[in-house]
């Protein structure tokens, strides 16, 4: 289980385990998790979580690059209203209108305004980027968030409903899958 919580400054909450067969906490992204322009395939990784509170009513997932040269980071994927009985997402669930997502889950547009996972693509000269895959265990079964809002709006709403979270942080570099 990770010990780094990128949201700790907002008030610490318990952490639970978030794992993937293609990523390790602190390790590099797999080639498939890079964007097509960076030699990858824009494939969302498999994710599994466990050890979340029994009172969890739903989950939200965010994938964020805090190191993007934007002044506000870069949201790669965001979804919410994942039912409480779900404890994993399979590889490739991040495509638009994916049948691999659980019923009821709502996908928000990413920074490219696409309702899907968009892979890493750090620009040259920007160093190593961190990609924070975060599953938030929530105290409500459904969030009242406009599906066309930004992931930042989701983050605001999630903040006030989080019981615990699992964090898996991978790294990526310019040159992507070829680096």
C-alpha atoms as a PDB file:
ATOM      1  CA  UNK A   1       0.000   0.000   0.000  1.00  0.00           C
ATOM      2  CA  UNK A   2       1.279   3.459  -0.856  1.00  0.00           C
ATOM      3  CA  UNK A   3       2.236   5.915   1.834  1.00  0.00           C
ATOM      4  CA  UNK A   4       2.020   9.035  -0.337  1.00  0.00           C
ATOM      5  CA  UNK A   5      -1.339  10.797  -0.424  1.00  0.00           C
ATOM      6  CA  UNK A   6      -1.520  13.683  -2.909  1.00  0.00           C
ATOM      7  CA  UNK A   7      -4.663  14.921  -1.154  1.00  0.00           C
ATOM      8  CA  UNK A   8      -3.250  14.921   2.391  1.00  0.00           C
ATOM      9  CA  UNK A   9      -3.077  18.723   2.445  1.00  0.00           C
ATOM     10  CA  UNK A  10      -6.897  18.745   2.408  1.00  0.00           C
ATOM     11  CA  UNK A  11      -7.098  16.525   5.471  1.00  0.00           C
ATOM     12  CA  UNK A  12      -5.788  13.025   5.731  1.00  0.00           C
ATOM     13  CA  UNK A  13      -8.101  10.053   5.386  1.00  0.00           C
ATOM     14  CA  UNK A  14      -7.344   6.345   5.735  1.00  0.00           C
ATOM     15  CA  UNK A  15      -5.701   4.715   2.735  1.00  0.00           C
ATOM     16  CA  UNK A  16      -6.463   1.355   1.164  1.00  0.00           C
ATOM     17  CA  UNK A  17      -4.651  -0.795  -1.380  1.00  0.00           C
ATOM     18  CA  UNK A  18      -4.737   0.096  -5.094  1.00  0.00           C
ATOM     19  CA  UNK A  19      -2.775  -2.168  -7.442  1.00  0.00           C
ATOM     20  CA  UNK A  20      -2.337  -2.974 -11.112  1.00  0.00           C
ATOM     21  CA  UNK A  21      -0.702  -5.850 -12.962  1.00  0.00           C
ATOM     22  CA  UNK A  22       1.132  -3.392 -15.252  1.00  0.00           C
ATOM     23  CA  UNK A  23       2.217  -0.674 -12.798  1.00  0.00           C
ATOM     24  CA  UNK A  24       3.898  -0.498  -9.435  1.00  0.00           C
ATOM     25  CA  UNK A  25       3.739   2.418  -7.049  1.00  0.00           C
ATOM     26  CA  UNK A  26       6.645   4.720  -7.938  1.00  0.00           C
ATOM     27  CA  UNK A  27       7.514   2.702 -11.053  1.00  0.00           C
ATOM     28  CA  UNK A  28       7.257   3.662 -14.715  1.00  0.00           C
ATOM     29  CA  UNK A  29       4.083   3.531 -16.765  1.00  0.00           C
ATOM     30  CA  UNK A  30       3.816   0.618 -19.172  1.00  0.00           C
ATOM     31  CA  UNK A  31       4.151   1.482 -22.865  1.00  0.00           C
ATOM     32  CA  UNK A  32       0.412   0.991 -23.488  1.00  0.00           C
ATOM     33  CA  UNK A  33      -0.449   3.695 -20.917  1.00  0.00           C
ATOM     34  CA  UNK A  34       1.260   6.378 -23.021  1.00  0.00           C
ATOM     35  CA  UNK A  35      -0.716   8.319 -25.604  1.00  0.00           C
ATOM     36  CA  UNK A  36      -0.511   7.389 -29.256  1.00  0.00           C
ATOM     37  CA  UNK A  37       1.576  10.515 -29.947  1.00  0.00           C
ATOM     38  CA  UNK A  38       4.127   9.251 -27.413  1.00  0.00           C
ATOM     39  CA  UNK A  39       4.405   5.745 -28.835  1.00  0.00           C
ATOM     40  CA  UNK A  40       1.708   4.204 -26.677  1.00  0.00           C
ATOM     41  CA  UNK A  41      -1.859   3.072 -27.178  1.00  0.00           C
ATOM     42  CA  UNK A  42      -4.021   5.135 -24.756  1.00  0.00           C
ATOM     43  CA  UNK A  43      -4.975   1.932 -22.931  1.00  0.00           C
ATOM     44  CA  UNK A  44      -6.197   2.340 -19.374  1.00  0.00           C
ATOM     45  CA  UNK A  45      -4.519  -0.108 -16.999  1.00  0.00           C
ATOM     46  CA  UNK A  46      -6.256  -2.736 -14.934  1.00  0.00           C
ATOM     47  CA  UNK A  47      -6.858  -1.558 -11.370  1.00  0.00           C
ATOM     48  CA  UNK A  48      -7.821  -3.514  -8.251  1.00  0.00           C
ATOM     49  CA  UNK A  49      -8.594  -2.099  -4.815  1.00  0.00           C
ATOM     50  CA  UNK A  50      -9.176  -3.610  -1.396  1.00  0.00           C
ATOM     51  CA  UNK A  51      -9.256  -2.663   2.270  1.00  0.00           C
ATOM     52  CA  UNK A  52     -11.710   0.226   1.848  1.00  0.00           C
ATOM     53  CA  UNK A  53     -14.227   1.003   4.615  1.00  0.00           C
ATOM     54  CA  UNK A  54     -17.287  -1.249   4.916  1.00  0.00           C
ATOM     55  CA  UNK A  55     -19.539   1.833   4.858  1.00  0.00           C
ATOM     56  CA  UNK A  56     -18.375   2.802   1.336  1.00  0.00           C
ATOM     57  CA  UNK A  57     -21.396   3.688  -0.820  1.00  0.00           C
ATOM     58  CA  UNK A  58     -19.592   4.261  -4.156  1.00  0.00           C
ATOM     59  CA  UNK A  59     -16.201   5.028  -5.681  1.00  0.00           C
ATOM     60  CA  UNK A  60     -14.708   7.682  -7.926  1.00  0.00           C
ATOM     61  CA  UNK A  61     -11.511   7.298  -9.952  1.00  0.00           C
ATOM     62  CA  UNK A  62      -9.226  10.119 -11.022  1.00  0.00           C
ATOM     63  CA  UNK A  63      -6.003   9.998 -13.019  1.00  0.00           C
ATOM     64  CA  UNK A  64      -3.993  13.197 -12.780  1.00  0.00           C
ATOM     65  CA  UNK A  65      -0.571  14.520 -13.816  1.00  0.00           C
ATOM     66  CA  UNK A  66       0.402  17.273 -11.342  1.00  0.00           C
ATOM     67  CA  UNK A  67       3.635  17.924 -13.277  1.00  0.00           C
ATOM     68  CA  UNK A  68       2.084  18.991 -16.586  1.00  0.00           C
ATOM     69  CA  UNK A  69       3.363  22.425 -17.642  1.00  0.00           C
ATOM     70  CA  UNK A  70      -0.063  24.040 -17.369  1.00  0.00           C
ATOM     71  CA  UNK A  71      -0.136  25.658 -13.947  1.00  0.00           C
ATOM     72  CA  UNK A  72      -3.084  23.405 -13.106  1.00  0.00           C
ATOM     73  CA  UNK A  73      -1.926  19.892 -13.962  1.00  0.00           C
ATOM     74  CA  UNK A  74      -3.609  17.574 -16.458  1.00  0.00           C
ATOM     75  CA  UNK A  75      -6.577  15.247 -15.916  1.00  0.00           C
ATOM     76  CA  UNK A  76      -6.225  12.010 -17.898  1.00  0.00           C
ATOM     77  CA  UNK A  77      -9.358  10.205 -16.736  1.00  0.00           C
ATOM     78  CA  UNK A  78     -12.188  10.735 -14.265  1.00  0.00           C
ATOM     79  CA  UNK A  79     -15.220   8.658 -13.450  1.00  0.00           C
ATOM     80  CA  UNK A  80     -17.654   8.471 -10.573  1.00  0.00           C
ATOM     81  CA  UNK A  81     -20.726   6.635  -9.293  1.00  0.00           C
ATOM     82  CA  UNK A  82     -18.814   3.363  -9.468  1.00  0.00           C
ATOM     83  CA  UNK A  83     -21.010   1.016  -7.388  1.00  0.00           C
ATOM     84  CA  UNK A  84     -19.713   0.001  -3.954  1.00  0.00           C
ATOM     85  CA  UNK A  85     -19.627  -3.713  -4.863  1.00  0.00           C
ATOM     86  CA  UNK A  86     -17.066  -3.051  -7.633  1.00  0.00           C
ATOM     87  CA  UNK A  87     -13.434  -3.506  -6.612  1.00  0.00           C
ATOM     88  CA  UNK A  88     -11.637  -3.522  -9.953  1.00  0.00           C
ATOM     89  CA  UNK A  89     -11.563  -2.223 -13.505  1.00  0.00           C
ATOM     90  CA  UNK A  90     -10.136  -4.311 -16.358  1.00  0.00           C
ATOM     91  CA  UNK A  91      -7.491  -3.224 -18.844  1.00  0.00           C
ATOM     92  CA  UNK A  92      -9.037  -1.071 -21.563  1.00  0.00           C
ATOM     93  CA  UNK A  93     -12.076   0.077 -19.566  1.00  0.00           C
ATOM     94  CA  UNK A  94     -11.138   3.676 -20.378  1.00  0.00           C
ATOM     95  CA  UNK A  95     -12.370   3.764 -23.985  1.00  0.00           C
ATOM     96  CA  UNK A  96     -15.361   5.941 -24.802  1.00  0.00           C
ATOM     97  CA  UNK A  97     -18.675   4.153 -24.100  1.00  0.00           C
ATOM     98  CA  UNK A  98     -16.771   1.155 -22.742  1.00  0.00           C
ATOM     99  CA  UNK A  99     -18.850  -1.951 -22.048  1.00  0.00           C
ATOM    100  CA  UNK A 100     -16.130  -2.862 -19.508  1.00  0.00           C
ATOM    101  CA  UNK A 101     -17.255  -0.161 -17.075  1.00  0.00           C
ATOM    102  CA  UNK A 102     -19.771  -1.101 -14.371  1.00  0.00           C
ATOM    103  CA  UNK A 103     -23.385  -0.111 -14.923  1.00  0.00           C
ATOM    104  CA  UNK A 104     -24.061   3.348 -13.502  1.00  0.00           C
ATOM    105  CA  UNK A 105     -20.472   4.601 -13.680  1.00  0.00           C
ATOM    106  CA  UNK A 106     -20.208   8.064 -15.228  1.00  0.00           C
ATOM    107  CA  UNK A 107     -17.141   9.097 -17.238  1.00  0.00           C
ATOM    108  CA  UNK A 108     -16.238  12.777 -17.398  1.00  0.00           C
ATOM    109  CA  UNK A 109     -14.374  14.503 -20.228  1.00  0.00           C
ATOM    110  CA  UNK A 110     -10.613  14.607 -19.684  1.00  0.00           C
ATOM    111  CA  UNK A 111      -8.425  17.630 -20.527  1.00  0.00           C
ATOM    112  CA  UNK A 112      -8.831  16.856 -24.238  1.00  0.00           C
ATOM    113  CA  UNK A 113     -12.631  16.953 -23.618  1.00  0.00           C
ATOM    114  CA  UNK A 114     -12.935  13.236 -24.427  1.00  0.00           C
ATOM    115  CA  UNK A 115     -14.942  10.950 -22.116  1.00  0.00           C
ATOM    116  CA  UNK A 116     -12.148   8.392 -21.977  1.00  0.00           C
ATOM    117  CA  UNK A 117      -8.668   7.633 -20.693  1.00  0.00           C
ATOM    118  CA  UNK A 118      -5.909   9.560 -22.442  1.00  0.00           C
ATOM    119  CA  UNK A 119      -2.390   8.231 -22.074  1.00  0.00           C
ATOM    120  CA  UNK A 120       0.724  10.025 -20.906  1.00  0.00           C
ATOM    121  CA  UNK A 121       2.683  12.311 -23.193  1.00  0.00           C
ATOM    122  CA  UNK A 122       5.064  14.559 -21.277  1.00  0.00           C
ATOM    123  CA  UNK A 123       6.438  17.317 -23.523  1.00  0.00           C
ATOM    124  CA  UNK A 124      10.207  17.374 -24.112  1.00  0.00           C
ATOM    125  CA  UNK A 125      12.135  19.305 -21.490  1.00  0.00           C
ATOM    126  CA  UNK A 126       9.541  18.884 -18.725  1.00  0.00           C
ATOM    127  CA  UNK A 127      11.283  16.065 -16.854  1.00  0.00           C
ATOM    128  CA  UNK A 128       9.671  13.099 -15.210  1.00  0.00           C
ATOM    129  CA  UNK A 129       5.930  13.363 -14.623  1.00  0.00           C
ATOM    130  CA  UNK A 130       3.895  11.647 -11.907  1.00  0.00           C
ATOM    131  CA  UNK A 131       0.615   9.992 -12.859  1.00  0.00           C
ATOM    132  CA  UNK A 132      -1.650   9.654  -9.834  1.00  0.00           C
ATOM    133  CA  UNK A 133      -4.274   6.930 -10.149  1.00  0.00           C
ATOM    134  CA  UNK A 134      -6.614   7.497  -7.204  1.00  0.00           C
ATOM    135  CA  UNK A 135      -9.703   5.544  -6.178  1.00  0.00           C
ATOM    136  CA  UNK A 136     -11.828   7.460  -3.684  1.00  0.00           C
ATOM    137  CA  UNK A 137     -14.164   5.498  -1.371  1.00  0.00           C
ATOM    138  CA  UNK A 138     -17.224   7.703  -0.907  1.00  0.00           C
ATOM    139  CA  UNK A 139     -19.904   8.101   1.747  1.00  0.00           C
ATOM    140  CA  UNK A 140     -22.678   8.591  -0.841  1.00  0.00           C
ATOM    141  CA  UNK A 141     -24.078   6.216  -3.465  1.00  0.00           C
ATOM    142  CA  UNK A 142     -24.227   8.908  -6.129  1.00  0.00           C
ATOM    143  CA  UNK A 143     -22.569  12.276  -6.614  1.00  0.00           C
ATOM    144  CA  UNK A 144     -24.563  15.232  -7.848  1.00  0.00           C
ATOM    145  CA  UNK A 145     -22.020  16.308 -10.474  1.00  0.00           C
ATOM    146  CA  UNK A 146     -22.761  17.356 -14.052  1.00  0.00           C
ATOM    147  CA  UNK A 147     -21.151  14.669 -16.256  1.00  0.00           C
ATOM    148  CA  UNK A 148     -19.929  17.454 -18.567  1.00  0.00           C
ATOM    149  CA  UNK A 149     -18.203  19.352 -15.750  1.00  0.00           C
ATOM    150  CA  UNK A 150     -14.449  19.243 -15.347  1.00  0.00           C
ATOM    151  CA  UNK A 151     -12.586  16.673 -13.253  1.00  0.00           C
ATOM    152  CA  UNK A 152     -11.640  19.558 -10.940  1.00  0.00           C
ATOM    153  CA  UNK A 153     -15.348  19.975 -10.103  1.00  0.00           C
ATOM    154  CA  UNK A 154     -15.497  16.246  -9.432  1.00  0.00           C
ATOM    155  CA  UNK A 155     -12.462  16.577  -7.159  1.00  0.00           C
ATOM    156  CA  UNK A 156     -14.179  19.337  -5.197  1.00  0.00           C
ATOM    157  CA  UNK A 157     -17.283  17.209  -4.659  1.00  0.00           C
ATOM    158  CA  UNK A 158     -15.292  14.068  -3.904  1.00  0.00           C
ATOM    159  CA  UNK A 159     -13.340  15.964  -1.228  1.00  0.00           C
ATOM    160  CA  UNK A 160     -16.449  16.437   0.892  1.00  0.00           C
ATOM    161  CA  UNK A 161     -17.552  12.788   0.594  1.00  0.00           C
ATOM    162  CA  UNK A 162     -14.298  10.814   0.897  1.00  0.00           C
ATOM    163  CA  UNK A 163     -14.039   8.096   3.538  1.00  0.00           C
ATOM    164  CA  UNK A 164     -10.682   6.719   2.340  1.00  0.00           C
ATOM    165  CA  UNK A 165      -8.580   6.496  -0.811  1.00  0.00           C
ATOM    166  CA  UNK A 166      -6.174   4.249  -2.631  1.00  0.00           C
ATOM    167  CA  UNK A 167      -3.290   5.846  -4.536  1.00  0.00           C
ATOM    168  CA  UNK A 168      -1.020   4.332  -7.158  1.00  0.00           C
ATOM    169  CA  UNK A 169       1.516   6.760  -8.594  1.00  0.00           C
ATOM    170  CA  UNK A 170       3.494   5.844 -11.724  1.00  0.00           C
ATOM    171  CA  UNK A 171       5.983   7.937 -13.670  1.00  0.00           C
ATOM    172  CA  UNK A 172       6.389   8.899 -17.297  1.00  0.00           C
ATOM    173  CA  UNK A 173       8.993  10.733 -19.342  1.00  0.00           C
ATOM    174  CA  UNK A 174       9.142  12.665 -22.617  1.00  0.00           C
ATOM    175  CA  UNK A 175       9.683  10.313 -25.500  1.00  0.00           C
ATOM    176  CA  UNK A 176       7.114   8.025 -23.968  1.00  0.00           C
ATOM    177  CA  UNK A 177       7.079   4.356 -24.726  1.00  0.00           C
ATOM    178  CA  UNK A 178      10.222   4.696 -26.843  1.00  0.00           C
ATOM    179  CA  UNK A 179      12.287   6.262 -24.031  1.00  0.00           C
END
